[in-house]
């Protein structure tokens, strides 16, 4: 295992530890907190995605895939990111949609592996006190994940996310949220992405 991985344990449930330690400023407890938030919100994401697929609502299924893929990329859960990317392709191709159920099951198994990993690692790692309750923290992570994805793409919808969820993002990030907001309003998305990454590392 890598040095970063060894700080958490021997198991590797599809996580990019180098990325994780980068966004967590080399603090395992911070990265575990991000993984914990992701695993909890992922339960709801998978449930929504399953509902869209059962109703054959392909457009909403693609949107859910896109959102979950961005959240997984943000925290370095590479196995789920790859599986959701495949599911997004399957959903977009009518000839390949028969494979959607197996992929969704695989995503749930990968999520459960992350959850087990967090639980086992938390036993040996002091957990940080959450600033928000569980529901609000999950909503905030979802908003931050969407914002990160849009910023990385230089997408002007970043401004809409900040306008709609600014208070929630601020409650999650703290003081850096004000700088982030100003940078986004000035359309300086590269600087905003750097601010967001730094804020997540210090959280």
Protein backbone atom coordinates (compact mmCIF):
# COMPACT_ATOMS: atom_id res chain seq x y z
CA UNK A 1 0.00 0.00 0.00
CA UNK A 2 1.00 3.66 -0.43
CA UNK A 3 2.14 5.72 2.56
CA UNK A 4 -1.16 7.58 2.51
CA UNK A 5 -3.16 4.37 2.32
CA UNK A 6 -1.24 2.83 5.22
CA UNK A 7 -2.44 5.65 7.44
CA UNK A 8 -5.99 4.35 7.00
CA UNK A 9 -5.40 0.60 6.88
CA UNK A 10 -4.68 -2.21 4.45
CA UNK A 11 -7.96 -2.36 2.53
CA UNK A 12 -8.36 -0.29 -0.63
CA UNK A 13 -12.06 -0.04 -1.51
CA UNK A 14 -11.53 1.83 -4.77
CA UNK A 15 -10.15 5.05 -3.32
CA UNK A 16 -7.46 7.34 -4.71
CA UNK A 17 -5.56 7.95 -1.48
CA UNK A 18 -3.07 10.38 -3.04
CA UNK A 19 -5.94 12.60 -4.16
CA UNK A 20 -7.64 12.18 -0.80
CA UNK A 21 -4.60 13.23 1.18
CA UNK A 22 -4.11 16.18 -1.16
CA UNK A 23 -7.58 17.61 -0.57
CA UNK A 24 -7.33 16.78 3.15
CA UNK A 25 -3.93 18.44 3.58
CA UNK A 26 -2.36 15.12 4.65
CA UNK A 27 -4.82 14.73 7.54
CA UNK A 28 -6.43 11.26 7.56
CA UNK A 29 -9.24 12.31 9.91
CA UNK A 30 -10.30 15.06 7.50
CA UNK A 31 -10.36 12.70 4.56
CA UNK A 32 -12.34 10.15 6.55
CA UNK A 33 -14.89 12.87 7.31
CA UNK A 34 -15.25 13.63 3.58
CA UNK A 35 -15.59 9.93 2.77
CA UNK A 36 -18.17 9.51 5.53
CA UNK A 37 -20.27 12.38 4.13
CA UNK A 38 -19.98 10.98 0.62
CA UNK A 39 -21.01 7.45 1.63
CA UNK A 40 -24.10 8.75 3.45
CA UNK A 41 -25.27 10.99 0.61
CA UNK A 42 -24.50 8.25 -1.91
CA UNK A 43 -27.30 6.16 -0.39
CA UNK A 44 -29.80 8.82 -1.47
CA UNK A 45 -28.12 9.29 -4.85
CA UNK A 46 -28.38 5.57 -5.63
CA UNK A 47 -32.02 5.47 -4.51
CA UNK A 48 -32.88 8.39 -6.80
CA UNK A 49 -30.98 6.82 -9.66
CA UNK A 50 -32.71 3.48 -9.16
CA UNK A 51 -36.09 5.23 -9.24
CA UNK A 52 -35.26 7.01 -12.51
CA UNK A 53 -34.16 3.75 -14.09
CA UNK A 54 -37.25 1.87 -12.93
CA UNK A 55 -39.43 4.58 -14.51
CA UNK A 56 -37.25 4.59 -17.67
CA UNK A 57 -36.64 8.30 -17.11
CA UNK A 58 -33.38 8.33 -19.02
CA UNK A 59 -32.83 12.09 -18.94
CA UNK A 60 -33.07 12.29 -15.16
CA UNK A 61 -30.99 9.12 -14.85
CA UNK A 62 -28.21 10.76 -16.87
CA UNK A 63 -28.38 13.85 -14.67
CA UNK A 64 -28.18 11.74 -11.53
CA UNK A 65 -25.23 9.84 -12.96
CA UNK A 66 -23.48 13.09 -13.80
CA UNK A 67 -23.98 14.45 -10.29
CA UNK A 68 -22.85 11.27 -8.54
CA UNK A 69 -19.85 10.97 -10.84
CA UNK A 70 -18.78 14.49 -9.91
CA UNK A 71 -19.19 13.83 -6.19
CA UNK A 72 -17.11 10.65 -6.43
CA UNK A 73 -14.38 12.44 -8.36
CA UNK A 74 -14.25 15.24 -5.81
CA UNK A 75 -13.43 12.89 -2.92
CA UNK A 76 -11.35 10.42 -4.94
CA UNK A 77 -13.69 7.41 -4.86
CA UNK A 78 -12.42 6.16 -8.19
CA UNK A 79 -14.25 2.82 -8.29
CA UNK A 80 -17.66 4.43 -7.97
CA UNK A 81 -16.63 7.16 -10.42
CA UNK A 82 -15.70 4.55 -13.04
CA UNK A 83 -18.87 2.49 -12.49
CA UNK A 84 -21.14 5.54 -12.70
CA UNK A 85 -19.36 6.68 -15.84
CA UNK A 86 -20.10 3.29 -17.41
CA UNK A 87 -23.72 3.48 -16.25
CA UNK A 88 -24.05 6.94 -17.75
CA UNK A 89 -22.86 5.54 -21.09
CA UNK A 90 -25.26 2.60 -20.83
CA UNK A 91 -28.20 4.86 -20.04
CA UNK A 92 -27.35 7.01 -23.05
CA UNK A 93 -27.31 4.01 -25.40
CA UNK A 94 -30.73 2.33 -25.89
CA UNK A 95 -29.03 -0.81 -27.21
CA UNK A 96 -26.99 -1.24 -24.02
CA UNK A 97 -29.57 -0.50 -21.32
CA UNK A 98 -30.02 -4.14 -20.32
CA UNK A 99 -26.80 -3.90 -18.31
CA UNK A 100 -28.02 -1.06 -16.10
CA UNK A 101 -29.25 -3.17 -13.19
CA UNK A 102 -25.96 -5.00 -12.73
CA UNK A 103 -24.02 -1.74 -12.86
CA UNK A 104 -26.30 -0.16 -10.29
CA UNK A 105 -25.84 -3.18 -8.02
CA UNK A 106 -22.07 -2.87 -8.46
CA UNK A 107 -22.25 0.81 -7.51
CA UNK A 108 -24.14 -0.07 -4.33
CA UNK A 109 -21.53 -2.73 -3.46
CA UNK A 110 -18.75 -0.19 -4.01
CA UNK A 111 -20.57 2.32 -1.79
CA UNK A 112 -20.95 -0.30 0.94
CA UNK A 113 -17.22 -1.02 0.71
CA UNK A 114 -16.44 2.67 1.25
CA UNK A 115 -18.83 2.76 4.19
CA UNK A 116 -17.24 -0.30 5.80
CA UNK A 117 -13.82 1.19 5.24
CA UNK A 118 -14.78 4.44 6.93
CA UNK A 119 -16.29 2.62 9.91
CA UNK A 120 -13.26 0.39 10.41
CA UNK A 121 -10.80 3.25 9.93
CA UNK A 122 -12.70 5.58 12.27
CA UNK A 123 -12.11 3.18 15.12
CA UNK A 124 -8.42 4.07 14.97
CA UNK A 125 -8.77 7.69 13.86
CA UNK A 126 -10.25 10.51 15.97
CA UNK A 127 -13.34 11.88 14.24
CA UNK A 128 -13.88 15.57 13.81
CA UNK A 129 -17.05 17.05 15.26
CA UNK A 130 -19.47 17.84 12.44
CA UNK A 131 -20.43 21.48 12.01
CA UNK A 132 -23.83 20.53 10.58
CA UNK A 133 -26.36 17.86 11.37
CA UNK A 134 -26.32 14.75 9.20
CA UNK A 135 -29.01 15.87 6.74
CA UNK A 136 -27.62 19.36 6.27
CA UNK A 137 -24.09 18.00 5.90
CA UNK A 138 -25.24 15.65 3.14
CA UNK A 139 -27.03 18.49 1.33
CA UNK A 140 -23.99 20.73 1.68
CA UNK A 141 -21.66 18.07 0.31
CA UNK A 142 -23.97 17.58 -2.66
CA UNK A 143 -23.94 21.33 -3.39
CA UNK A 144 -20.16 21.55 -2.99
CA UNK A 145 -19.65 18.52 -5.24
CA UNK A 146 -21.82 20.02 -7.95
CA UNK A 147 -20.01 23.34 -7.65
CA UNK A 148 -16.60 21.66 -7.93
CA UNK A 149 -17.65 19.84 -11.08
CA UNK A 150 -18.95 23.03 -12.69
CA UNK A 151 -15.87 25.03 -11.71
CA UNK A 152 -13.57 22.39 -13.15
CA UNK A 153 -15.44 22.68 -16.45
CA UNK A 154 -15.50 26.49 -16.38
CA UNK A 155 -19.29 26.32 -16.47
CA UNK A 156 -21.21 29.56 -15.84
CA UNK A 157 -23.83 27.56 -13.95
CA UNK A 158 -21.37 27.80 -11.04
CA UNK A 159 -22.87 31.23 -10.43
CA UNK A 160 -26.37 29.75 -10.22
CA UNK A 161 -25.27 27.14 -7.68
CA UNK A 162 -23.70 29.81 -5.46
CA UNK A 163 -26.78 32.02 -5.77
CA UNK A 164 -29.13 29.15 -4.87
CA UNK A 165 -27.04 27.36 -2.23
CA UNK A 166 -24.63 30.02 -0.99
CA UNK A 167 -25.71 29.82 2.66
CA UNK A 168 -25.48 26.04 2.67
CA UNK A 169 -22.03 26.09 1.06
CA UNK A 170 -20.89 28.75 3.54
CA UNK A 171 -22.05 26.66 6.50
CA UNK A 172 -19.98 23.76 5.17
CA UNK A 173 -16.81 25.63 4.15
CA UNK A 174 -16.77 28.45 6.69
CA UNK A 175 -14.86 31.70 6.10
CA UNK A 176 -13.35 30.74 2.69
CA UNK A 177 -16.87 30.65 1.24
CA UNK A 178 -16.91 34.46 1.03
CA UNK A 179 -13.74 34.51 -1.08
CA UNK A 180 -15.12 31.67 -3.18
CA UNK A 181 -18.33 33.61 -3.79
CA UNK A 182 -16.47 36.75 -4.89
CA UNK A 183 -14.25 34.78 -7.28
CA UNK A 184 -17.23 33.04 -8.86
CA UNK A 185 -19.15 36.28 -9.22
CA UNK A 186 -16.07 37.67 -11.01
CA UNK A 187 -16.05 34.53 -13.24
CA UNK A 188 -12.57 33.65 -12.00
CA UNK A 189 -13.32 29.93 -11.91
CA UNK A 190 -9.69 28.79 -11.79
CA UNK A 191 -9.04 30.80 -8.62
CA UNK A 192 -12.39 29.67 -7.20
CA UNK A 193 -11.47 26.02 -7.73
CA UNK A 194 -8.19 26.59 -5.88
CA UNK A 195 -10.08 28.24 -3.01
CA UNK A 196 -12.57 25.39 -2.84
CA UNK A 197 -9.85 22.73 -2.80
CA UNK A 198 -7.97 24.59 -0.06
CA UNK A 199 -11.14 25.06 2.01
CA UNK A 200 -11.95 21.36 1.83
CA UNK A 201 -8.43 20.52 2.97
CA UNK A 202 -8.75 22.77 6.02
CA UNK A 203 -12.26 21.72 6.96
